[in-house]
Amino acid sequence: MYHYYVVDAFTERAFGGNTAGVVLLEEKEFPYETWMLKVADELRYSETAFVRRQDDGVWHLRYFTPRAEVELCGHATIATFALLHSLGLASGPCRALTLAGELEVIAAPKVMMQMAKPRIISTIEATASVYDAVGIHGYEPELPVQVVSTGLPDIMLPVPSVEVLNTLQPNMEAIAALTAHYEAISIHPFALSDDGYTAHVRDFAPRCGVPEESATGTANAALTHFLAAHAVIAEGEHSFLQGEAMGRPSTVATRLDADGTVWVGGSAAIVAEGALLA
């Protein structure tokens, strides 16, 4: 029997932010992948994290969508370490072992996690097809459209305004085909703002079984690197508002260090707990 929790990440209140399943494991080895995938499909959240203690302060995490295993998930990591902290199992600096590498995580009411080394993977020259896929036609952005990764590759897509962002009409079939073609997890449209947030964002990942996410840690970390690479922002703390169009507003905090390291984090609310009997 395993205990599982439902945790809303990137929010201080239940029923906001982005929901993740978290399954606590006691064994030295993970269960079969097929079982973990079935659990993720049963819980039906965009990602479910399976976590086991590797050593003092060291935790091994694996992440599953309802369709497949992914190397890293920001909001599920935030949810996991907020949960571990609330249960008295982790506090302060910890290490998270993931398929994307070993990451430093600060376990606290506001969790901050170090992302993998950021990199711009490619520039998309045929931008019209990407904009068509989200319902924007004839727009020529000042910033490039690029595939960027801080652990997972996502397509950074600048859009003209917050109003345009919130009225996008995405074609999920086209987005799934494009993300497959460019070997990306999602399309991450963003609009720069001057209302206290660095940008407002949305995230579409239908290829992974997630039409839209209300908070995406890895993609906003990648966006932080993207904006810094194009001299839009400098080092320091930044914040992104996501989930407005879904009625689940989420605040994703990031920090850009002088050496280019990107951190992402936020608070989380534990909504429910239960036991897996199968």
Protein backbone atom coordinates (compact mmCIF):
# COMPACT_ATOMS: atom_id res chain seq x y z
CA MET A 1 0.00 0.00 0.00
CA TYR A 2 1.33 3.40 -0.97
CA HIS A 3 0.23 6.80 0.27
CA TYR A 4 -0.55 9.41 -2.33
CA TYR A 5 -1.32 13.10 -2.08
CA VAL A 6 -2.99 15.69 -4.27
CA VAL A 7 -1.04 18.94 -4.13
CA ASP A 8 -1.68 22.29 -5.83
CA ALA A 9 1.68 23.87 -6.74
CA PHE A 10 2.44 27.55 -7.40
CA THR A 11 -0.35 28.74 -5.14
CA GLU A 12 -0.88 29.32 -1.44
CA ARG A 13 -4.51 28.22 -1.54
CA ALA A 14 -6.21 24.98 -2.49
CA PHE A 15 -7.89 24.80 -5.90
CA GLY A 16 -5.45 27.20 -7.53
CA GLY A 17 -2.13 26.69 -9.25
CA ASN A 18 -1.29 23.42 -10.98
CA THR A 19 -2.26 20.09 -9.44
CA ALA A 20 0.15 17.16 -9.18
CA GLY A 21 -0.15 13.71 -7.73
CA VAL A 22 2.65 12.70 -5.35
CA VAL A 23 3.19 9.05 -4.40
CA LEU A 24 5.52 8.31 -1.47
CA LEU A 25 7.49 5.09 -1.83
CA GLU A 26 9.30 3.18 0.91
CA GLU A 27 11.12 0.55 -1.17
CA LYS A 28 14.72 0.85 -2.30
CA GLU A 29 13.63 0.40 -5.90
CA PHE A 30 10.83 1.96 -7.91
CA PRO A 31 7.81 -0.17 -8.83
CA TYR A 32 7.36 -1.36 -12.40
CA GLU A 33 7.03 1.48 -14.92
CA THR A 34 3.76 0.04 -16.22
CA TRP A 35 2.28 0.28 -12.72
CA MET A 36 3.43 3.88 -12.24
CA LEU A 37 1.98 4.79 -15.62
CA LYS A 38 -1.35 3.20 -14.67
CA VAL A 39 -1.40 5.16 -11.42
CA ALA A 40 -0.70 8.41 -13.27
CA ASP A 41 -3.46 7.59 -15.75
CA GLU A 42 -5.85 6.79 -12.88
CA LEU A 43 -5.10 10.04 -11.04
CA ARG A 44 -5.35 11.95 -14.34
CA TYR A 45 -3.26 14.94 -13.36
CA SER A 46 -0.84 16.35 -15.92
CA GLU A 47 2.01 14.81 -13.92
CA THR A 48 2.35 12.47 -10.97
CA ALA A 49 5.66 12.28 -9.09
CA PHE A 50 6.87 9.07 -7.49
CA VAL A 51 9.45 9.78 -4.79
CA ARG A 52 11.67 7.69 -2.54
CA ARG A 53 14.43 8.59 -0.11
CA GLN A 54 17.88 7.79 -1.50
CA ASP A 55 19.89 9.07 1.47
CA ASP A 56 19.72 11.83 4.08
CA GLY A 57 18.61 14.91 2.19
CA VAL A 58 18.68 13.04 -1.14
CA TRP A 59 15.45 12.09 -2.89
CA HIS A 60 14.94 10.16 -6.11
CA LEU A 61 12.00 11.31 -8.24
CA ARG A 62 10.34 9.96 -11.37
CA TYR A 63 7.52 11.72 -13.22
CA PHE A 64 4.67 10.30 -15.28
CA THR A 65 1.99 11.95 -17.36
CA PRO A 66 -1.12 9.89 -18.15
CA ARG A 67 0.71 8.79 -21.31
CA ALA A 68 4.43 8.54 -20.65
CA GLU A 69 7.36 9.13 -18.32
CA VAL A 70 9.06 12.55 -18.58
CA GLU A 71 12.52 13.50 -17.39
CA LEU A 72 11.49 16.43 -15.20
CA CYS A 73 8.42 18.31 -14.03
CA GLY A 74 8.72 21.62 -12.24
CA HIS A 75 5.32 21.84 -10.59
CA ALA A 76 5.40 18.21 -9.45
CA THR A 77 8.83 18.81 -7.88
CA ILE A 78 7.54 21.91 -6.08
CA ALA A 79 4.54 19.88 -4.91
CA THR A 80 6.74 17.00 -3.73
CA PHE A 81 9.17 19.03 -1.63
CA ALA A 82 6.43 21.23 -0.16
CA LEU A 83 4.73 17.99 0.89
CA LEU A 84 7.93 16.47 2.30
CA HIS A 85 8.55 19.67 4.26
CA SER A 86 5.00 19.72 5.66
CA LEU A 87 5.37 16.07 6.76
CA GLY A 88 8.67 16.83 8.50
CA LEU A 89 10.62 14.60 6.12
CA ALA A 90 12.76 17.28 4.44
CA SER A 91 13.93 20.77 5.30
CA GLY A 92 16.41 23.22 3.83
CA PRO A 93 18.86 22.21 1.10
CA CYS A 94 18.11 18.85 -0.51
CA ARG A 95 19.14 17.05 -3.66
CA ALA A 96 16.68 15.70 -6.19
CA LEU A 97 17.82 12.87 -8.46
CA THR A 98 15.90 13.00 -11.75
CA LEU A 99 16.30 11.73 -15.29
CA ALA A 100 17.26 15.31 -16.22
CA GLY A 101 20.14 15.26 -13.72
CA GLU A 102 20.80 16.00 -10.07
CA LEU A 103 19.21 19.24 -8.87
CA GLU A 104 19.44 21.26 -5.67
CA VAL A 105 16.11 21.99 -4.00
CA ILE A 106 15.33 24.15 -1.00
CA ALA A 107 12.54 22.40 0.93
CA ALA A 108 10.48 25.07 2.68
CA PRO A 109 6.95 26.51 2.56
CA LYS A 110 8.19 28.26 -0.59
CA VAL A 111 10.20 25.68 -2.49
CA MET A 112 12.98 26.72 -4.88
CA MET A 113 14.60 24.25 -7.24
CA GLN A 114 17.72 24.59 -9.34
CA MET A 115 17.12 23.79 -12.99
CA ALA A 116 19.39 21.90 -15.34
CA LYS A 117 21.94 23.92 -17.32
CA PRO A 118 19.92 26.21 -19.62
CA ARG A 119 20.45 26.11 -23.35
CA ILE A 120 18.88 27.38 -26.55
CA ILE A 121 18.50 24.29 -28.70
CA SER A 122 17.33 25.77 -32.00
CA THR A 123 15.69 28.73 -33.72
CA ILE A 124 12.49 28.14 -35.67
CA GLU A 125 12.59 30.01 -38.95
CA ALA A 126 9.16 28.94 -40.24
CA THR A 127 7.29 30.81 -37.51
CA ALA A 128 3.98 31.19 -39.37
CA SER A 129 3.02 27.56 -38.76
CA VAL A 130 3.65 27.93 -35.02
CA TYR A 131 1.56 31.09 -34.78
CA ASP A 132 -1.19 29.55 -36.92
CA ALA A 133 -1.33 26.64 -34.45
CA VAL A 134 -2.27 28.99 -31.58
CA GLY A 135 -4.64 31.10 -33.66
CA ILE A 136 -2.45 34.10 -34.51
CA HIS A 137 -2.04 34.96 -38.19
CA GLY A 138 0.35 37.36 -39.92
CA TYR A 139 2.31 38.34 -36.81
CA GLU A 140 6.04 38.99 -37.03
CA PRO A 141 7.64 39.09 -33.57
CA GLU A 142 10.64 41.16 -32.59
CA LEU A 143 12.03 38.28 -30.56
CA PRO A 144 12.86 34.94 -32.20
CA VAL A 145 10.85 31.74 -31.76
CA GLN A 146 13.22 29.25 -30.17
CA VAL A 147 13.33 25.84 -28.54
CA VAL A 148 14.84 26.32 -25.08
CA SER A 149 15.56 23.86 -22.28
CA THR A 150 16.36 23.92 -18.59
CA GLY A 151 15.69 20.20 -18.35
CA LEU A 152 12.88 19.84 -20.89
CA PRO A 153 12.68 21.50 -24.34
CA ASP A 154 9.82 23.96 -24.91
CA ILE A 155 9.03 26.36 -27.75
CA MET A 156 9.16 29.99 -26.57
CA LEU A 157 6.53 31.95 -28.49
CA PRO A 158 6.27 35.75 -28.02
CA VAL A 159 2.77 37.15 -28.61
CA PRO A 160 1.70 40.80 -29.01
CA SER A 161 -0.18 41.42 -25.74
CA VAL A 162 -1.78 39.89 -22.67
CA GLU A 163 -5.20 40.36 -24.29
CA VAL A 164 -4.12 38.35 -27.33
CA LEU A 165 -2.57 35.71 -25.07
CA ASN A 166 -5.78 35.19 -23.12
CA THR A 167 -7.91 34.86 -26.26
CA LEU A 168 -5.75 32.34 -28.13
CA GLN A 169 -7.63 29.54 -29.86
CA PRO A 170 -5.09 26.71 -29.99
CA ASN A 171 -5.33 23.89 -32.50
CA MET A 172 -4.24 20.96 -30.37
CA GLU A 173 -3.69 18.60 -33.30
CA ALA A 174 -1.41 21.12 -35.00
CA ILE A 175 0.44 21.85 -31.74
CA ALA A 176 1.00 18.13 -31.14
CA ALA A 177 2.44 17.75 -34.64
CA LEU A 178 4.70 20.80 -34.29
CA THR A 179 6.06 19.84 -30.89
CA ALA A 180 6.78 16.36 -32.21
CA HIS A 181 8.57 17.82 -35.24
CA TYR A 182 10.75 20.12 -33.13
CA GLU A 183 11.18 17.51 -30.38
CA ALA A 184 9.66 19.83 -27.77
CA ILE A 185 7.32 19.18 -24.88
CA SER A 186 5.12 22.24 -25.34
CA ILE A 187 4.47 25.57 -27.00
CA HIS A 188 4.84 28.29 -24.37
CA PRO A 189 3.26 31.58 -25.54
CA PHE A 190 4.11 34.64 -23.46
CA ALA A 191 3.34 38.36 -23.38
CA LEU A 192 5.65 40.78 -21.59
CA SER A 193 3.92 43.01 -19.05
CA ASP A 194 4.51 45.95 -16.71
CA ASP A 195 1.95 45.02 -14.05
CA GLY A 196 4.35 43.50 -11.54
CA TYR A 197 4.88 40.29 -13.48
CA THR A 198 7.73 39.70 -15.87
CA ALA A 199 5.25 38.14 -18.30
CA HIS A 200 1.88 36.45 -18.56
CA VAL A 201 2.13 32.96 -20.06
CA ARG A 202 0.21 29.90 -21.24
CA ASP A 203 1.46 26.40 -21.99
CA PHE A 204 0.11 23.81 -24.46
CA ALA A 205 1.43 20.23 -24.37
CA PRO A 206 -1.17 17.99 -26.07
CA ARG A 207 1.51 15.56 -27.28
CA CYS A 208 2.00 14.61 -23.61
CA GLY A 209 -1.72 14.38 -22.96
CA VAL A 210 -1.88 17.88 -21.41
CA PRO A 211 -3.87 20.32 -23.59
CA GLU A 212 -3.04 23.23 -21.27
CA GLU A 213 -1.24 23.58 -17.95
CA SER A 214 -2.04 26.23 -15.36
CA ALA A 215 1.56 26.42 -14.07
CA THR A 216 4.74 25.09 -15.68
CA GLY A 217 8.00 25.37 -13.77
CA THR A 218 10.36 24.02 -16.41
CA ALA A 219 8.91 26.13 -19.23
CA ASN A 220 9.03 29.35 -17.19
CA ALA A 221 12.61 28.59 -16.18
CA ALA A 222 13.38 28.18 -19.89
CA LEU A 223 11.59 31.48 -20.57
CA THR A 224 13.76 33.18 -17.93
CA HIS A 225 16.90 32.02 -19.75
CA PHE A 226 15.40 33.00 -23.12
CA LEU A 227 14.58 36.55 -21.98
CA ALA A 228 18.02 36.98 -20.41
CA ALA A 229 19.73 35.70 -23.55
CA HIS A 230 17.95 38.41 -25.55
CA ALA A 231 18.69 41.15 -22.98
CA VAL A 232 15.04 41.58 -21.99
CA ILE A 233 15.73 40.85 -18.30
CA ALA A 234 18.79 40.82 -16.05
CA GLU A 235 19.82 38.61 -13.16
CA GLY A 236 17.63 38.61 -10.06
CA GLU A 237 14.10 37.53 -9.20
CA HIS A 238 11.25 37.33 -11.70
CA SER A 239 7.65 36.13 -11.70
CA PHE A 240 5.22 34.78 -14.28
CA LEU A 241 1.43 34.67 -14.15
CA GLN A 242 -0.08 31.56 -15.71
CA GLY A 243 -3.47 29.85 -15.70
CA GLU A 244 -5.64 32.96 -16.05
CA ALA A 245 -7.49 31.56 -19.07
CA MET A 246 -8.18 28.34 -17.12
CA GLY A 247 -9.53 30.07 -14.03
CA ARG A 248 -6.57 28.77 -11.99
CA PRO A 249 -4.16 31.73 -11.72
CA SER A 250 -0.69 30.64 -10.68
CA THR A 251 2.41 32.61 -9.74
CA VAL A 252 5.67 30.99 -10.81
CA ALA A 253 8.78 32.55 -9.26
CA THR A 254 12.20 32.30 -10.89
CA ARG A 255 15.66 33.52 -10.02
CA LEU A 256 18.52 34.11 -12.43
CA ASP A 257 21.98 33.97 -10.86
CA ALA A 258 25.00 35.85 -12.17
CA ASP A 259 26.48 32.63 -13.54
CA GLY A 260 23.33 31.93 -15.57
CA THR A 261 21.86 29.33 -13.21
CA VAL A 262 18.07 29.41 -13.19
CA TRP A 263 15.93 28.55 -10.17
CA VAL A 264 12.17 28.12 -10.17
CA GLY A 265 9.78 27.87 -7.27
CA GLY A 266 6.64 28.73 -5.42
CA SER A 267 4.30 27.68 -2.66
CA ALA A 268 1.95 24.70 -2.60
CA ALA A 269 -1.28 23.62 -0.92
CA ILE A 270 -2.04 20.01 0.04
CA VAL A 271 -5.59 19.24 -1.04
CA ALA A 272 -6.11 15.53 -0.34
CA GLU A 273 -4.42 12.29 0.65
CA GLY A 274 -5.25 8.65 0.24
CA ALA A 275 -3.95 5.10 -0.19
CA LEU A 276 -3.30 3.12 -3.35
CA LEU A 277 -4.65 -0.38 -2.79
CA ALA A 278 -3.87 -1.92 -6.17
